[in-house]
Protein backbone atom coordinates (compact mmCIF):
# COMPACT_ATOMS: atom_id res chain seq x y z
CA MET A 1 -27.62 41.01 -22.43
CA LYS A 2 -24.91 41.12 -25.14
CA ARG A 3 -26.32 44.36 -25.93
CA LEU A 4 -27.24 45.70 -22.78
CA LEU A 5 -23.35 45.27 -21.80
CA ALA A 6 -22.21 46.91 -25.05
CA THR A 7 -24.48 49.90 -24.57
CA LEU A 8 -23.45 50.56 -20.92
CA LEU A 9 -19.95 49.90 -21.61
CA VAL A 10 -20.06 52.55 -24.75
CA ALA A 11 -22.29 54.89 -21.95
CA SER A 12 -19.38 54.71 -19.45
CA VAL A 13 -16.57 55.39 -22.10
CA LEU A 14 -18.81 59.02 -21.94
CA VAL A 15 -18.76 58.71 -17.89
CA ALA A 16 -15.12 57.70 -18.08
CA ALA A 17 -14.29 60.76 -20.20
CA LEU A 18 -16.02 63.20 -17.45
CA VAL A 19 -14.30 61.77 -14.31
CA ALA A 20 -10.61 61.47 -16.16
CA CYS A 21 -10.79 65.09 -17.93
CA ALA A 22 -9.49 68.25 -16.62
CA PRO A 23 -11.69 71.00 -16.84
CA ALA A 24 -10.35 75.13 -16.56
CA ALA A 25 -12.47 76.26 -13.08
CA PRO A 26 -15.79 76.83 -14.20
CA LYS A 27 -17.35 80.07 -14.82
CA THR A 28 -20.44 80.79 -12.68
CA SER A 29 -23.38 82.99 -13.61
CA GLY A 30 -26.54 82.82 -11.30
CA ASN A 31 -27.48 78.86 -11.11
CA THR A 32 -25.32 78.22 -13.96
CA ALA A 33 -21.84 77.36 -15.01
CA GLN A 34 -19.56 77.08 -18.05
CA VAL A 35 -16.76 74.59 -18.26
CA GLY A 36 -13.94 75.23 -20.52
CA ALA A 37 -11.89 72.82 -22.73
CA VAL A 38 -11.76 69.33 -21.40
CA THR A 39 -9.23 66.56 -22.45
CA VAL A 40 -10.57 63.27 -23.53
CA GLN A 41 -8.83 60.09 -22.93
CA PRO A 42 -8.54 57.57 -25.36
CA HIS A 43 -10.37 54.20 -24.99
CA PRO A 44 -8.42 51.07 -23.42
CA ALA A 45 -7.82 48.49 -26.18
CA THR A 46 -8.91 46.35 -23.16
CA LEU A 47 -10.11 45.93 -19.68
CA ASP A 48 -7.99 43.52 -18.80
CA GLY A 49 -5.69 44.48 -15.64
CA LYS A 50 -8.11 47.32 -15.40
CA THR A 51 -9.84 49.31 -12.93
CA VAL A 52 -13.49 49.74 -13.73
CA ALA A 53 -15.27 51.77 -10.92
CA LEU A 54 -18.97 50.91 -10.79
CA ARG A 55 -21.58 54.44 -9.89
CA TRP A 56 -24.70 54.16 -8.43
CA ASN A 57 -26.85 57.35 -7.64
CA GLU A 58 -29.44 55.40 -5.56
CA LYS A 59 -32.06 54.68 -8.05
CA PRO A 60 -34.41 51.93 -7.33
CA ASN A 61 -32.48 48.84 -9.10
CA GLY A 62 -29.26 50.76 -10.28
CA ASP A 63 -27.39 48.73 -7.69
CA LYS A 64 -28.72 45.02 -9.33
CA LEU A 65 -27.38 45.87 -12.41
CA LEU A 66 -24.31 46.82 -11.82
CA THR A 67 -23.62 44.08 -9.48
CA ARG A 68 -24.48 42.04 -12.56
CA LEU A 69 -22.26 43.99 -14.82
CA ALA A 70 -19.40 43.44 -12.76
CA GLU A 71 -19.99 39.76 -12.71
CA LEU A 72 -20.20 39.80 -16.75
CA LEU A 73 -16.86 42.18 -16.74
CA ALA A 74 -14.87 39.50 -14.16
CA GLU A 75 -15.99 36.58 -16.63
CA LYS A 76 -14.46 38.09 -19.32
CA TYR A 77 -11.38 40.45 -18.42
CA GLN A 78 -8.38 38.95 -16.67
CA ASP A 79 -7.51 40.73 -13.58
CA VAL A 80 -10.41 43.27 -13.94
CA LYS A 81 -10.48 45.20 -10.55
CA ILE A 82 -14.25 46.41 -9.55
CA ILE A 83 -14.92 49.27 -7.53
CA LYS A 84 -18.25 49.32 -6.27
CA LEU A 85 -18.70 52.92 -5.15
CA TRP A 86 -21.68 52.96 -3.26
CA GLU A 87 -19.56 50.44 -0.87
CA GLN A 88 -16.22 51.43 -0.73
CA ALA A 89 -17.50 55.73 -1.04
CA PRO A 90 -20.71 55.29 0.62
CA GLU A 91 -21.28 59.43 -0.41
CA THR A 92 -21.05 59.06 -4.15
CA ALA A 93 -24.24 56.89 -3.99
CA ALA A 94 -26.41 60.30 -4.51
CA ILE A 95 -27.79 62.25 -7.25
CA SER A 96 -25.80 65.74 -7.26
CA LYS A 97 -27.83 68.60 -6.65
CA SER A 98 -25.38 70.97 -7.67
CA MET A 99 -22.19 71.91 -9.68
CA GLU A 100 -20.57 71.71 -6.31
CA ASP A 101 -21.85 68.47 -5.42
CA SER A 102 -20.76 67.10 -9.07
CA GLN A 103 -17.41 68.44 -8.47
CA LYS A 104 -17.04 66.83 -5.19
CA LEU A 105 -17.95 63.14 -6.56
CA ALA A 106 -16.07 63.65 -9.32
CA ALA A 107 -13.23 64.32 -7.55
CA THR A 108 -14.11 61.00 -4.77
CA ILE A 109 -14.34 59.03 -8.02
CA ALA A 110 -10.76 60.65 -9.51
CA ALA A 111 -8.85 60.04 -6.35
CA LEU A 112 -9.67 56.19 -7.04
CA LYS A 113 -7.50 56.23 -10.15
CA PRO A 114 -9.97 54.07 -11.86
CA ASP A 115 -9.22 53.35 -15.90
CA LEU A 116 -12.57 53.40 -16.64
CA VAL A 117 -16.26 54.72 -14.79
CA ILE A 118 -19.94 53.48 -15.57
CA ALA A 119 -22.64 54.73 -14.04
CA SER A 120 -26.21 53.54 -13.84
CA GLN A 121 -29.72 54.97 -13.35
CA ALA A 122 -32.64 52.27 -12.82
CA ASP A 123 -35.81 52.25 -11.75
């Protein structure tokens, strides 16, 4: 379980970097888009007092995994605030089908101002 938690936390840093970065306007060409330079935020030293957003894309059991992760984070870190996006912003519990969907999703999550975002896919 500790190894799973560590793996999820590492993966979450990647997701957090994507949500917290400030990309240039995408250049589109057909069905593809190119994103300009981004600024990666530093890793938090601790999650004590931080806000962690948990994102589920509606794949089976992903919400169960994230719910358990929320319990483990609450046990380990003081005053960590957990946002289950699928409950607070149900429109985020979906698989993005386009660049526009992804941009709307990222904007919705960023508006909640989390310090970290952890996303899960599960089957």
